[in-house]
């Protein structure tokens, strides 16, 4: 998995997604992750009622859209096929990936039972990235490591990946799955896959709430 992560960072540089850092930024990486953490806690406090999924989605969407660089992440997961897409297709697939990502957070983080996040520090990543080491503490289960990988874009720190369990690159997994779909079956197939995943997440959230 380390090899996948190294390859991912190299890809970010090669494809032009590595932006030379500016001298100042509005928020540090830890401050940005703290904003995400606070949003997730507040989303969980909305509970798992019938309409809570949409409420959690609506709460998290502006937070995550500001914290993440979804266009850059979409470009990475599409891979070499990105240059063959029209501007309209790029916009459509970015929107679908963003919605699926936010829906996943809204579905996973629910039913607050005293959870809290602990930021344990920041370390250097590859080629100018930083990794904010982050842990979810729950009263009734083992801590879950949820590290964020950030880079600077035009002087602003933005999330480009999440490491589940501190090792599994979410973006590398997405790129492996989605990149092969679009290269093998084309743009419409990938859009269909993303929309189906969104529908599954929403349907599952609705059924578990009822």
C-alpha atoms as a PDB file:
ATOM      1  CA  UNK A   1       0.000   0.000   0.000  1.00  0.00           C
ATOM      2  CA  UNK A   2       2.985   2.339   0.622  1.00  0.00           C
ATOM      3  CA  UNK A   3       3.967   1.814  -3.000  1.00  0.00           C
ATOM      4  CA  UNK A   4       0.436   2.819  -4.062  1.00  0.00           C
ATOM      5  CA  UNK A   5       0.614   5.952  -1.958  1.00  0.00           C
ATOM      6  CA  UNK A   6       4.029   6.913  -3.365  1.00  0.00           C
ATOM      7  CA  UNK A   7       2.725   6.357  -6.882  1.00  0.00           C
ATOM      8  CA  UNK A   8      -0.282   8.540  -6.095  1.00  0.00           C
ATOM      9  CA  UNK A   9       1.878  11.455  -4.935  1.00  0.00           C
ATOM     10  CA  UNK A  10       4.076  11.103  -8.022  1.00  0.00           C
ATOM     11  CA  UNK A  11       0.937  11.193 -10.166  1.00  0.00           C
ATOM     12  CA  UNK A  12      -0.198  14.396  -8.471  1.00  0.00           C
ATOM     13  CA  UNK A  13       3.106  16.003  -9.420  1.00  0.00           C
ATOM     14  CA  UNK A  14       3.214  14.666 -12.973  1.00  0.00           C
ATOM     15  CA  UNK A  15      -0.351  15.704 -13.748  1.00  0.00           C
ATOM     16  CA  UNK A  16       0.231  19.233 -12.515  1.00  0.00           C
ATOM     17  CA  UNK A  17      -1.688  18.956  -9.265  1.00  0.00           C
ATOM     18  CA  UNK A  18       1.372  19.844  -7.209  1.00  0.00           C
ATOM     19  CA  UNK A  19       1.157  23.585  -6.686  1.00  0.00           C
ATOM     20  CA  UNK A  20       4.159  25.471  -5.340  1.00  0.00           C
ATOM     21  CA  UNK A  21       3.227  26.538  -1.812  1.00  0.00           C
ATOM     22  CA  UNK A  22       2.573  30.203  -1.188  1.00  0.00           C
ATOM     23  CA  UNK A  23       4.070  31.976   1.787  1.00  0.00           C
ATOM     24  CA  UNK A  24       0.838  32.194   3.744  1.00  0.00           C
ATOM     25  CA  UNK A  25      -2.412  30.319   4.142  1.00  0.00           C
ATOM     26  CA  UNK A  26      -5.630  31.008   5.987  1.00  0.00           C
ATOM     27  CA  UNK A  27      -5.628  27.773   8.007  1.00  0.00           C
ATOM     28  CA  UNK A  28      -2.986  25.300   9.047  1.00  0.00           C
ATOM     29  CA  UNK A  29      -3.467  21.611   8.185  1.00  0.00           C
ATOM     30  CA  UNK A  30      -4.401  20.846  11.799  1.00  0.00           C
ATOM     31  CA  UNK A  31      -6.946  23.678  11.860  1.00  0.00           C
ATOM     32  CA  UNK A  32      -8.523  22.396   8.655  1.00  0.00           C
ATOM     33  CA  UNK A  33      -8.782  18.845  10.002  1.00  0.00           C
ATOM     34  CA  UNK A  34     -10.203  20.174  13.275  1.00  0.00           C
ATOM     35  CA  UNK A  35     -12.960  21.864  11.242  1.00  0.00           C
ATOM     36  CA  UNK A  36     -13.767  18.531   9.573  1.00  0.00           C
ATOM     37  CA  UNK A  37     -13.740  16.746  12.928  1.00  0.00           C
ATOM     38  CA  UNK A  38     -16.103  19.283  14.489  1.00  0.00           C
ATOM     39  CA  UNK A  39     -18.458  18.971  11.532  1.00  0.00           C
ATOM     40  CA  UNK A  40     -18.526  15.185  11.814  1.00  0.00           C
ATOM     41  CA  UNK A  41     -19.314  15.335  15.533  1.00  0.00           C
ATOM     42  CA  UNK A  42     -22.162  17.789  14.909  1.00  0.00           C
ATOM     43  CA  UNK A  43     -23.451  15.584  12.086  1.00  0.00           C
ATOM     44  CA  UNK A  44     -23.482  12.562  14.400  1.00  0.00           C
ATOM     45  CA  UNK A  45     -25.481  14.540  16.934  1.00  0.00           C
ATOM     46  CA  UNK A  46     -28.280  14.831  14.365  1.00  0.00           C
ATOM     47  CA  UNK A  47     -28.880  11.125  14.930  1.00  0.00           C
ATOM     48  CA  UNK A  48     -30.223   8.457  12.624  1.00  0.00           C
ATOM     49  CA  UNK A  49     -33.866   9.389  12.235  1.00  0.00           C
ATOM     50  CA  UNK A  50     -35.862   9.208   9.001  1.00  0.00           C
ATOM     51  CA  UNK A  51     -34.702  12.590   7.681  1.00  0.00           C
ATOM     52  CA  UNK A  52     -31.344  12.687   9.443  1.00  0.00           C
ATOM     53  CA  UNK A  53     -29.257  11.444   6.509  1.00  0.00           C
ATOM     54  CA  UNK A  54     -30.209  14.416   4.349  1.00  0.00           C
ATOM     55  CA  UNK A  55     -29.693  16.746   7.296  1.00  0.00           C
ATOM     56  CA  UNK A  56     -26.212  15.307   7.860  1.00  0.00           C
ATOM     57  CA  UNK A  57     -25.449  15.610   4.151  1.00  0.00           C
ATOM     58  CA  UNK A  58     -26.585  19.234   4.061  1.00  0.00           C
ATOM     59  CA  UNK A  59     -24.470  20.038   7.126  1.00  0.00           C
ATOM     60  CA  UNK A  60     -21.328  18.322   5.863  1.00  0.00           C
ATOM     61  CA  UNK A  61     -21.448  19.387   2.200  1.00  0.00           C
ATOM     62  CA  UNK A  62     -20.142  22.969   2.609  1.00  0.00           C
ATOM     63  CA  UNK A  63     -17.519  21.866   5.154  1.00  0.00           C
ATOM     64  CA  UNK A  64     -16.130  19.078   3.001  1.00  0.00           C
ATOM     65  CA  UNK A  65     -16.344  21.007  -0.266  1.00  0.00           C
ATOM     66  CA  UNK A  66     -14.175  23.715   1.289  1.00  0.00           C
ATOM     67  CA  UNK A  67     -11.763  21.302   2.976  1.00  0.00           C
ATOM     68  CA  UNK A  68     -11.272  18.839   0.110  1.00  0.00           C
ATOM     69  CA  UNK A  69      -9.979  19.457  -3.381  1.00  0.00           C
ATOM     70  CA  UNK A  70     -12.557  17.271  -5.079  1.00  0.00           C
ATOM     71  CA  UNK A  71     -11.664  18.412  -8.637  1.00  0.00           C
ATOM     72  CA  UNK A  72      -8.016  17.404  -8.132  1.00  0.00           C
ATOM     73  CA  UNK A  73      -9.032  14.101  -6.557  1.00  0.00           C
ATOM     74  CA  UNK A  74     -11.418  13.360  -9.430  1.00  0.00           C
ATOM     75  CA  UNK A  75      -8.660  14.036 -11.927  1.00  0.00           C
ATOM     76  CA  UNK A  76      -6.447  11.522 -10.150  1.00  0.00           C
ATOM     77  CA  UNK A  77      -9.044   8.737  -9.927  1.00  0.00           C
ATOM     78  CA  UNK A  78      -9.960   9.097 -13.609  1.00  0.00           C
ATOM     79  CA  UNK A  79      -6.280   8.831 -14.541  1.00  0.00           C
ATOM     80  CA  UNK A  80      -5.018   9.133 -18.090  1.00  0.00           C
ATOM     81  CA  UNK A  81      -8.571   9.205 -19.487  1.00  0.00           C
ATOM     82  CA  UNK A  82      -9.045  12.689 -17.969  1.00  0.00           C
ATOM     83  CA  UNK A  83      -7.493  14.424 -21.000  1.00  0.00           C
ATOM     84  CA  UNK A  84     -10.021  12.769 -23.318  1.00  0.00           C
ATOM     85  CA  UNK A  85     -13.051  14.191 -21.487  1.00  0.00           C
ATOM     86  CA  UNK A  86     -14.908  17.357 -22.427  1.00  0.00           C
ATOM     87  CA  UNK A  87     -15.289  20.182 -19.922  1.00  0.00           C
ATOM     88  CA  UNK A  88     -18.915  19.173 -19.389  1.00  0.00           C
ATOM     89  CA  UNK A  89     -17.909  15.571 -18.708  1.00  0.00           C
ATOM     90  CA  UNK A  90     -15.214  16.675 -16.264  1.00  0.00           C
ATOM     91  CA  UNK A  91     -17.739  18.804 -14.406  1.00  0.00           C
ATOM     92  CA  UNK A  92     -20.298  15.980 -14.307  1.00  0.00           C
ATOM     93  CA  UNK A  93     -17.887  13.380 -13.011  1.00  0.00           C
ATOM     94  CA  UNK A  94     -16.437  15.766 -10.419  1.00  0.00           C
ATOM     95  CA  UNK A  95     -19.931  16.536  -9.144  1.00  0.00           C
ATOM     96  CA  UNK A  96     -20.801  12.830  -8.943  1.00  0.00           C
ATOM     97  CA  UNK A  97     -17.575  11.957  -7.112  1.00  0.00           C
ATOM     98  CA  UNK A  98     -18.067  14.840  -4.688  1.00  0.00           C
ATOM     99  CA  UNK A  99     -21.628  13.813  -3.914  1.00  0.00           C
ATOM    100  CA  UNK A 100     -20.643  10.193  -3.414  1.00  0.00           C
ATOM    101  CA  UNK A 101     -17.814  11.204  -1.049  1.00  0.00           C
ATOM    102  CA  UNK A 102     -20.036  13.469   1.039  1.00  0.00           C
ATOM    103  CA  UNK A 103     -22.808  10.854   1.080  1.00  0.00           C
ATOM    104  CA  UNK A 104     -20.326   8.299   2.404  1.00  0.00           C
ATOM    105  CA  UNK A 105     -19.402  10.561   5.321  1.00  0.00           C
ATOM    106  CA  UNK A 106     -23.068  11.333   6.013  1.00  0.00           C
ATOM    107  CA  UNK A 107     -23.871   7.614   6.098  1.00  0.00           C
ATOM    108  CA  UNK A 108     -20.917   6.563   8.245  1.00  0.00           C
ATOM    109  CA  UNK A 109     -21.007   9.277  10.875  1.00  0.00           C
ATOM    110  CA  UNK A 110     -24.294   9.075  12.760  1.00  0.00           C
ATOM    111  CA  UNK A 111     -25.688   8.316  16.215  1.00  0.00           C
ATOM    112  CA  UNK A 112     -23.475  10.271  18.586  1.00  0.00           C
ATOM    113  CA  UNK A 113     -22.579   8.264  21.714  1.00  0.00           C
ATOM    114  CA  UNK A 114     -19.779  10.366  23.147  1.00  0.00           C
ATOM    115  CA  UNK A 115     -17.264  10.054  20.322  1.00  0.00           C
ATOM    116  CA  UNK A 116     -14.421  12.537  20.019  1.00  0.00           C
ATOM    117  CA  UNK A 117     -11.524  13.142  17.673  1.00  0.00           C
ATOM    118  CA  UNK A 118      -7.939  13.573  18.787  1.00  0.00           C
ATOM    119  CA  UNK A 119      -5.378  15.164  16.459  1.00  0.00           C
ATOM    120  CA  UNK A 120      -2.070  13.613  17.402  1.00  0.00           C
ATOM    121  CA  UNK A 121       0.195  15.756  15.270  1.00  0.00           C
ATOM    122  CA  UNK A 122       1.403  16.467  11.756  1.00  0.00           C
ATOM    123  CA  UNK A 123       4.213  14.840   9.844  1.00  0.00           C
ATOM    124  CA  UNK A 124       5.740  15.395   6.448  1.00  0.00           C
ATOM    125  CA  UNK A 125       4.375  13.355   3.574  1.00  0.00           C
ATOM    126  CA  UNK A 126       5.830  12.819   0.144  1.00  0.00           C
ATOM    127  CA  UNK A 127       6.779  15.683  -2.154  1.00  0.00           C
ATOM    128  CA  UNK A 128       5.469  18.556  -0.088  1.00  0.00           C
ATOM    129  CA  UNK A 129       2.349  16.926   1.309  1.00  0.00           C
ATOM    130  CA  UNK A 130       1.609  16.738   5.022  1.00  0.00           C
ATOM    131  CA  UNK A 131      -0.224  14.063   6.977  1.00  0.00           C
ATOM    132  CA  UNK A 132      -2.397  15.055   9.922  1.00  0.00           C
ATOM    133  CA  UNK A 133      -2.562  12.078  12.267  1.00  0.00           C
ATOM    134  CA  UNK A 134      -6.096  11.869  13.536  1.00  0.00           C
ATOM    135  CA  UNK A 135      -7.980   9.370  15.687  1.00  0.00           C
ATOM    136  CA  UNK A 136     -11.648   8.761  16.435  1.00  0.00           C
ATOM    137  CA  UNK A 137     -12.187   7.755  20.056  1.00  0.00           C
ATOM    138  CA  UNK A 138     -15.422   5.955  20.943  1.00  0.00           C
ATOM    139  CA  UNK A 139     -16.500   4.880  24.437  1.00  0.00           C
ATOM    140  CA  UNK A 140     -17.384   1.334  23.410  1.00  0.00           C
ATOM    141  CA  UNK A 141     -14.821   0.349  20.789  1.00  0.00           C
ATOM    142  CA  UNK A 142     -11.186   0.517  19.772  1.00  0.00           C
ATOM    143  CA  UNK A 143      -9.876   3.857  18.446  1.00  0.00           C
ATOM    144  CA  UNK A 144      -9.999   4.291  14.676  1.00  0.00           C
ATOM    145  CA  UNK A 145      -7.137   6.037  12.891  1.00  0.00           C
ATOM    146  CA  UNK A 146      -8.323   8.455  10.209  1.00  0.00           C
ATOM    147  CA  UNK A 147      -5.358  10.361   8.839  1.00  0.00           C
ATOM    148  CA  UNK A 148      -5.692  13.180   6.309  1.00  0.00           C
ATOM    149  CA  UNK A 149      -3.202  13.914   3.526  1.00  0.00           C
ATOM    150  CA  UNK A 150      -3.079  17.571   2.503  1.00  0.00           C
ATOM    151  CA  UNK A 151      -1.316  19.672  -0.118  1.00  0.00           C
ATOM    152  CA  UNK A 152      -1.295  23.365  -0.830  1.00  0.00           C
ATOM    153  CA  UNK A 153      -3.205  24.729  -3.801  1.00  0.00           C
ATOM    154  CA  UNK A 154      -2.718  28.447  -4.437  1.00  0.00           C
ATOM    155  CA  UNK A 155      -1.641  28.911  -0.829  1.00  0.00           C
ATOM    156  CA  UNK A 156      -4.559  27.003   0.697  1.00  0.00           C
ATOM    157  CA  UNK A 157      -4.233  23.625   2.379  1.00  0.00           C
ATOM    158  CA  UNK A 158      -6.731  21.119   0.996  1.00  0.00           C
ATOM    159  CA  UNK A 159      -7.336  17.436   1.655  1.00  0.00           C
ATOM    160  CA  UNK A 160      -6.373  15.140  -1.222  1.00  0.00           C
ATOM    161  CA  UNK A 161      -6.614  11.760   0.482  1.00  0.00           C
ATOM    162  CA  UNK A 162      -7.674   9.924   3.626  1.00  0.00           C
ATOM    163  CA  UNK A 163      -5.688   7.067   5.120  1.00  0.00           C
ATOM    164  CA  UNK A 164      -7.957   4.578   6.844  1.00  0.00           C
ATOM    165  CA  UNK A 165      -6.155   2.818   9.649  1.00  0.00           C
ATOM    166  CA  UNK A 166      -3.173   5.055   8.866  1.00  0.00           C
ATOM    167  CA  UNK A 167      -2.170   2.900   5.872  1.00  0.00           C
ATOM    168  CA  UNK A 168      -5.006   2.352   3.379  1.00  0.00           C
ATOM    169  CA  UNK A 169      -5.168   5.165   0.834  1.00  0.00           C
ATOM    170  CA  UNK A 170      -8.810   5.870   0.020  1.00  0.00           C
ATOM    171  CA  UNK A 171      -7.840   7.707  -3.162  1.00  0.00           C
ATOM    172  CA  UNK A 172      -5.592   4.884  -4.380  1.00  0.00           C
ATOM    173  CA  UNK A 173      -8.445   2.427  -3.903  1.00  0.00           C
ATOM    174  CA  UNK A 174     -10.850   4.692  -5.792  1.00  0.00           C
ATOM    175  CA  UNK A 175      -8.375   5.189  -8.629  1.00  0.00           C
ATOM    176  CA  UNK A 176      -7.813   1.455  -8.968  1.00  0.00           C
ATOM    177  CA  UNK A 177     -11.561   0.835  -9.204  1.00  0.00           C
ATOM    178  CA  UNK A 178     -12.798   3.825 -11.194  1.00  0.00           C
ATOM    179  CA  UNK A 179      -9.814   4.303 -13.491  1.00  0.00           C
ATOM    180  CA  UNK A 180     -10.234   0.808 -14.875  1.00  0.00           C
ATOM    181  CA  UNK A 181     -13.973   1.349 -15.418  1.00  0.00           C
ATOM    182  CA  UNK A 182     -13.572   4.496 -17.496  1.00  0.00           C
ATOM    183  CA  UNK A 183     -10.645   3.136 -19.500  1.00  0.00           C
ATOM    184  CA  UNK A 184     -12.467  -0.117 -20.217  1.00  0.00           C
ATOM    185  CA  UNK A 185     -16.113   0.946 -20.537  1.00  0.00           C
ATOM    186  CA  UNK A 186     -16.031   4.718 -20.976  1.00  0.00           C
ATOM    187  CA  UNK A 187     -17.368   7.853 -19.313  1.00  0.00           C
ATOM    188  CA  UNK A 188     -21.042   6.865 -19.155  1.00  0.00           C
ATOM    189  CA  UNK A 189     -20.169   3.640 -17.348  1.00  0.00           C
ATOM    190  CA  UNK A 190     -18.238   5.479 -14.638  1.00  0.00           C
ATOM    191  CA  UNK A 191     -20.982   8.069 -14.181  1.00  0.00           C
ATOM    192  CA  UNK A 192     -23.470   5.216 -13.888  1.00  0.00           C
ATOM    193  CA  UNK A 193     -21.310   3.461 -11.303  1.00  0.00           C
ATOM    194  CA  UNK A 194     -20.982   6.601  -9.176  1.00  0.00           C
ATOM    195  CA  UNK A 195     -24.701   7.359  -9.369  1.00  0.00           C
ATOM    196  CA  UNK A 196     -25.530   3.772  -8.424  1.00  0.00           C
ATOM    197  CA  UNK A 197     -23.228   3.982  -5.402  1.00  0.00           C
ATOM    198  CA  UNK A 198     -24.891   7.241  -4.334  1.00  0.00           C
ATOM    199  CA  UNK A 199     -28.324   5.635  -4.660  1.00  0.00           C
ATOM    200  CA  UNK A 200     -27.189   2.605  -2.640  1.00  0.00           C
ATOM    201  CA  UNK A 201     -25.804   4.787   0.145  1.00  0.00           C
ATOM    202  CA  UNK A 202     -28.988   6.853   0.317  1.00  0.00           C
ATOM    203  CA  UNK A 203     -31.245   3.770   0.205  1.00  0.00           C
ATOM    204  CA  UNK A 204     -29.247   2.035   2.923  1.00  0.00           C
ATOM    205  CA  UNK A 205     -29.316   5.148   5.108  1.00  0.00           C
ATOM    206  CA  UNK A 206     -33.073   5.397   4.665  1.00  0.00           C
ATOM    207  CA  UNK A 207     -33.694   1.731   5.460  1.00  0.00           C
ATOM    208  CA  UNK A 208     -31.546   1.720   8.600  1.00  0.00           C
ATOM    209  CA  UNK A 209     -33.300   4.870   9.839  1.00  0.00           C
ATOM    210  CA  UNK A 210     -36.798   3.404   9.491  1.00  0.00           C
END
